[in-house]
Structure formats: C-alpha cells, structure tokens
Amino acid sequence: MRPLLLIPDAGPLFSLAAAELLHVLLHTQLVVTDIVKEETFDRGKLSGASVEAITLRAFFVKHTKDIHIQETNVGRLLKLARRVDPSTKVPNIGELSIQSLLIDLRASNPAARALVLFEDAWFIRNAVAMPRNCTLISTSAFLVNLQLAGLIPSAAEAAARIRGLRPTFSSEIATIDRAHVNKPGRK
C-alpha cells in the first residue's frame, strides 16, 4: 500500500533521473499530469533527447502500471489550442496542470491530500492560490526526507549529483503545508 499521493513537476523528475533516484518514487502513489508527462516521459522518445529524458522514458515504460497519468482541464484546453495552432506554447503550463489537478482532486475527494514536488519558484510565488489540499515540497526537502526515511544514504550527496548534471538545480529547502496557510481574509 502506498500511503502518499505524490504529484511531481517536471524539474524534480529530471533531477531524480540525474541522481539515479527515480526508484524512490515507487514508494508513493505517483500521479503525473498529462502536461508533465509530455514534458518528461514523452521527451525521451524525441531525437536528441537528454540522458535524463531517456532515463525518464525507460522508467515510465518499466513502471507504467505504478504511475497514474491524470488528464487535466489545462491539458484538454492545450490540446484544443494546438488543433488551431500546433505551435501553441503556454508559460508555466506544467505548473498550471498541477494546480488544475489539485482543484479537481479537492472537488472529487475533499479528504485527499497531495504532496507536490517542485523546483520552480512559481510554486512559492503562487502558494496562496494553491488549493489547501496540498503540501508543496522542494526537491531538496524531499531528499532530506528520503534520507530520514532511510530510502537514500545521503541527501547532500544526491543534491551534489543533481547539481553536477543540472547546474540550475536549486538546493533551497522549502515546504509549505497549504492546510495551515491562511488565505487573505481568513482567520
């Protein structure tokens, strides 16, 4: 039984692939949005794909039954827009698909809780607008928790491996539990 609903953004998936730690995701109930799937697992099929993208694709193929791909309203809207203009690009589309999934999750199962794994500062800037059914956790904080749970030997070594392959990786540790953050006007 997997006690944790984990929703990763693309950045953490690439980071975990770089650190050869994708296997830790199998200890969770892994939910990936349609858009994040396109940005990660599907990218490994493309000519000239990065080593991390190829690794992600192989992980997805091997563990398809353990990875729940969730269609989102944002993903559906993007498909419609691409029918009109196939080159349509939307900034922060992966992040928006995660927010869409959380809103749908809150509506369909109010008791459900999700852990959103992120690296993009977009999540920090928009934390107050995120549904209260989630906890936002940076990849670095996730690594620390993996070490504490005994799933990896060293968070610092994992972060160093990631930085070696992904120079833009931020090792800032951030966790925001939306269930305990008051929205403006609430007490």
Protein backbone atom coordinates (compact mmCIF):
# COMPACT_ATOMS: atom_id res chain seq x y z
CA MET A 1 0.00 0.00 0.00
CA ARG A 2 1.29 3.45 -0.92
CA PRO A 3 0.33 6.00 1.74
CA LEU A 4 1.43 9.14 -0.09
CA LEU A 5 -0.10 10.83 -3.13
CA LEU A 6 2.88 12.45 -4.83
CA ILE A 7 2.45 14.90 -7.73
CA PRO A 8 5.81 15.95 -9.20
CA ASP A 9 6.51 18.82 -11.55
CA ALA A 10 8.93 18.18 -14.44
CA GLY A 11 12.06 19.65 -12.77
CA PRO A 12 12.13 17.20 -9.85
CA LEU A 13 11.65 14.26 -12.21
CA PHE A 14 14.67 15.35 -14.24
CA SER A 15 16.64 15.88 -11.02
CA LEU A 16 15.77 12.44 -9.64
CA ALA A 17 16.70 10.93 -13.01
CA ALA A 18 20.06 12.74 -12.89
CA ALA A 19 20.70 11.40 -9.37
CA GLU A 20 19.58 7.89 -10.38
CA LEU A 21 16.87 8.03 -7.71
CA LEU A 22 13.66 7.53 -9.68
CA HIS A 23 13.10 4.24 -7.83
CA VAL A 24 12.18 6.16 -4.65
CA LEU A 25 9.02 7.33 -6.40
CA LEU A 26 7.76 3.75 -6.33
CA HIS A 27 7.28 4.13 -2.55
CA THR A 28 4.48 6.62 -3.25
CA GLN A 29 1.25 6.78 -5.13
CA LEU A 30 2.74 8.62 -8.10
CA VAL A 31 0.38 10.86 -10.07
CA VAL A 32 1.73 12.75 -13.08
CA THR A 33 -0.36 15.25 -15.01
CA ASP A 34 -0.81 14.88 -18.75
CA ILE A 35 1.29 18.01 -19.32
CA VAL A 36 4.14 16.93 -17.01
CA LYS A 37 4.13 13.54 -18.77
CA GLU A 38 4.56 15.35 -22.07
CA GLU A 39 7.40 17.45 -20.62
CA THR A 40 9.23 14.45 -19.15
CA PHE A 41 8.42 10.85 -20.11
CA ASP A 42 7.39 11.71 -23.67
CA ARG A 43 10.50 13.81 -24.23
CA GLY A 44 12.65 10.67 -24.01
CA LYS A 45 11.17 9.48 -27.33
CA LEU A 46 12.47 12.52 -29.21
CA SER A 47 15.61 12.58 -31.31
CA GLY A 48 18.44 14.22 -29.40
CA ALA A 49 16.78 13.68 -26.01
CA SER A 50 18.93 14.25 -22.93
CA VAL A 51 20.21 11.33 -20.87
CA GLU A 52 17.74 12.29 -18.14
CA ALA A 53 14.81 12.32 -20.59
CA ILE A 54 15.81 8.89 -21.90
CA THR A 55 16.12 7.63 -18.32
CA LEU A 56 12.67 9.02 -17.51
CA ARG A 57 11.18 7.33 -20.57
CA ALA A 58 12.71 3.98 -19.61
CA PHE A 59 11.41 4.37 -16.03
CA PHE A 60 7.93 5.15 -17.35
CA VAL A 61 7.89 2.18 -19.72
CA LYS A 62 9.11 -0.19 -16.99
CA HIS A 63 6.72 1.11 -14.30
CA THR A 64 3.67 2.22 -16.31
CA LYS A 65 1.35 0.27 -14.01
CA ASP A 66 2.74 2.16 -10.98
CA ILE A 67 2.38 5.64 -12.48
CA HIS A 68 -1.05 7.23 -12.74
CA ILE A 69 -1.23 9.75 -15.60
CA GLN A 70 -4.02 12.22 -14.92
CA GLU A 71 -5.69 14.20 -17.67
CA THR A 72 -6.31 17.81 -16.60
CA ASN A 73 -8.55 20.62 -17.78
CA VAL A 74 -5.42 22.56 -18.65
CA GLY A 75 -4.18 19.65 -20.77
CA ARG A 76 -7.53 19.38 -22.55
CA LEU A 77 -7.51 23.12 -23.30
CA LEU A 78 -3.95 22.92 -24.62
CA LYS A 79 -4.95 20.08 -26.97
CA LEU A 80 -7.80 22.22 -28.31
CA ALA A 81 -5.49 25.21 -28.79
CA ARG A 82 -2.95 23.02 -30.61
CA ARG A 83 -5.63 21.92 -33.08
CA VAL A 84 -5.85 25.54 -34.18
CA ASP A 85 -2.12 26.29 -33.86
CA PRO A 86 0.18 23.26 -33.33
CA SER A 87 3.00 25.55 -32.16
CA THR A 88 0.97 26.85 -29.18
CA LYS A 89 3.13 27.30 -26.11
CA VAL A 90 1.88 28.45 -22.72
CA PRO A 91 4.23 29.61 -19.96
CA ASN A 92 4.11 27.58 -16.74
CA ILE A 93 1.78 25.01 -18.32
CA GLY A 94 3.11 22.12 -16.21
CA GLU A 95 2.59 24.09 -13.02
CA LEU A 96 -0.91 25.11 -14.13
CA SER A 97 -1.76 21.48 -14.90
CA ILE A 98 -0.76 20.52 -11.36
CA GLN A 99 -2.91 23.31 -9.92
CA SER A 100 -5.80 22.10 -12.12
CA LEU A 101 -5.35 18.54 -10.86
CA LEU A 102 -5.36 19.71 -7.23
CA ILE A 103 -8.57 21.68 -7.76
CA ASP A 104 -10.23 18.63 -9.35
CA LEU A 105 -8.93 16.41 -6.55
CA ARG A 106 -10.33 18.75 -3.91
CA ALA A 107 -13.74 18.74 -5.64
CA SER A 108 -13.91 14.95 -6.12
CA ASN A 109 -12.34 13.88 -2.82
CA PRO A 110 -12.17 16.69 -0.22
CA ALA A 111 -10.28 14.49 2.25
CA ALA A 112 -7.49 13.67 -0.22
CA ARG A 113 -4.08 15.18 0.45
CA ALA A 114 -1.26 15.56 -2.03
CA LEU A 115 2.43 16.27 -1.83
CA VAL A 116 3.55 18.46 -4.74
CA LEU A 117 7.22 18.07 -5.58
CA PHE A 118 8.65 21.22 -7.17
CA GLU A 119 11.77 23.17 -8.06
CA ASP A 120 10.23 26.11 -9.87
CA ALA A 121 9.82 29.31 -7.83
CA TRP A 122 6.39 29.62 -9.49
CA PHE A 123 5.01 27.39 -6.73
CA ILE A 124 6.37 29.65 -3.98
CA ARG A 125 5.04 32.79 -5.70
CA ASN A 126 1.62 31.18 -6.15
CA ALA A 127 1.37 29.21 -2.90
CA VAL A 128 -1.52 31.27 -1.60
CA ALA A 129 -3.53 30.45 -4.73
CA MET A 130 -2.89 26.71 -4.45
CA PRO A 131 -5.70 24.53 -3.08
CA ARG A 132 -5.45 23.76 0.60
CA ASN A 133 -5.33 20.00 -0.01
CA CYS A 134 -1.64 20.03 -0.81
CA THR A 135 1.77 20.38 0.71
CA LEU A 136 4.46 21.88 -1.51
CA ILE A 137 7.92 20.38 -1.05
CA SER A 138 11.12 21.27 -2.85
CA THR A 139 13.30 18.55 -4.30
CA SER A 140 15.96 19.35 -1.67
CA ALA A 141 13.49 18.96 1.20
CA PHE A 142 12.24 15.74 -0.41
CA LEU A 143 15.81 14.41 -0.50
CA VAL A 144 16.25 15.20 3.21
CA ASN A 145 13.03 13.32 3.98
CA LEU A 146 14.18 10.38 1.86
CA GLN A 147 17.39 10.27 3.89
CA LEU A 148 15.45 10.45 7.17
CA ALA A 149 13.23 7.57 5.98
CA GLY A 150 16.33 5.52 5.14
CA LEU A 151 15.49 5.40 1.42
CA ILE A 152 18.73 7.10 0.37
CA PRO A 153 22.07 7.24 2.20
CA SER A 154 22.71 10.99 1.87
CA ALA A 155 20.60 13.94 0.76
CA ALA A 156 23.76 16.05 0.38
CA GLU A 157 25.38 13.50 -1.95
CA ALA A 158 22.17 13.22 -4.01
CA ALA A 159 21.95 17.02 -4.30
CA ALA A 160 25.61 17.17 -5.36
CA ARG A 161 24.98 14.56 -8.10
CA ILE A 162 21.99 16.57 -9.32
CA ARG A 163 23.96 19.84 -9.34
CA GLY A 164 26.74 18.12 -11.30
CA LEU A 165 24.34 17.34 -14.14
CA ARG A 166 21.81 20.15 -13.69
CA PRO A 167 23.70 23.35 -12.83
CA THR A 168 20.43 25.30 -12.44
CA PHE A 169 19.24 22.96 -9.66
CA SER A 170 18.36 24.94 -6.53
CA SER A 171 19.29 23.32 -3.25
CA GLU A 172 16.96 25.58 -1.27
CA ILE A 173 14.78 23.64 1.12
CA ALA A 174 11.15 24.66 1.15
CA THR A 175 7.98 23.06 2.43
CA ILE A 176 4.62 24.77 2.54
CA ASP A 177 1.65 22.96 4.01
CA ARG A 178 -1.33 24.64 2.37
CA ALA A 179 -3.70 23.22 5.00
CA HIS A 180 -2.08 25.57 7.52
CA VAL A 181 -1.64 28.70 5.43
CA ASN A 182 -4.36 31.27 5.83
CA LYS A 183 -5.69 32.90 2.70
CA PRO A 184 -6.22 36.67 2.78
CA GLY A 185 -9.40 37.47 4.64
CA ARG A 186 -9.46 34.14 6.53
CA LYS A 187 -8.71 33.65 10.18
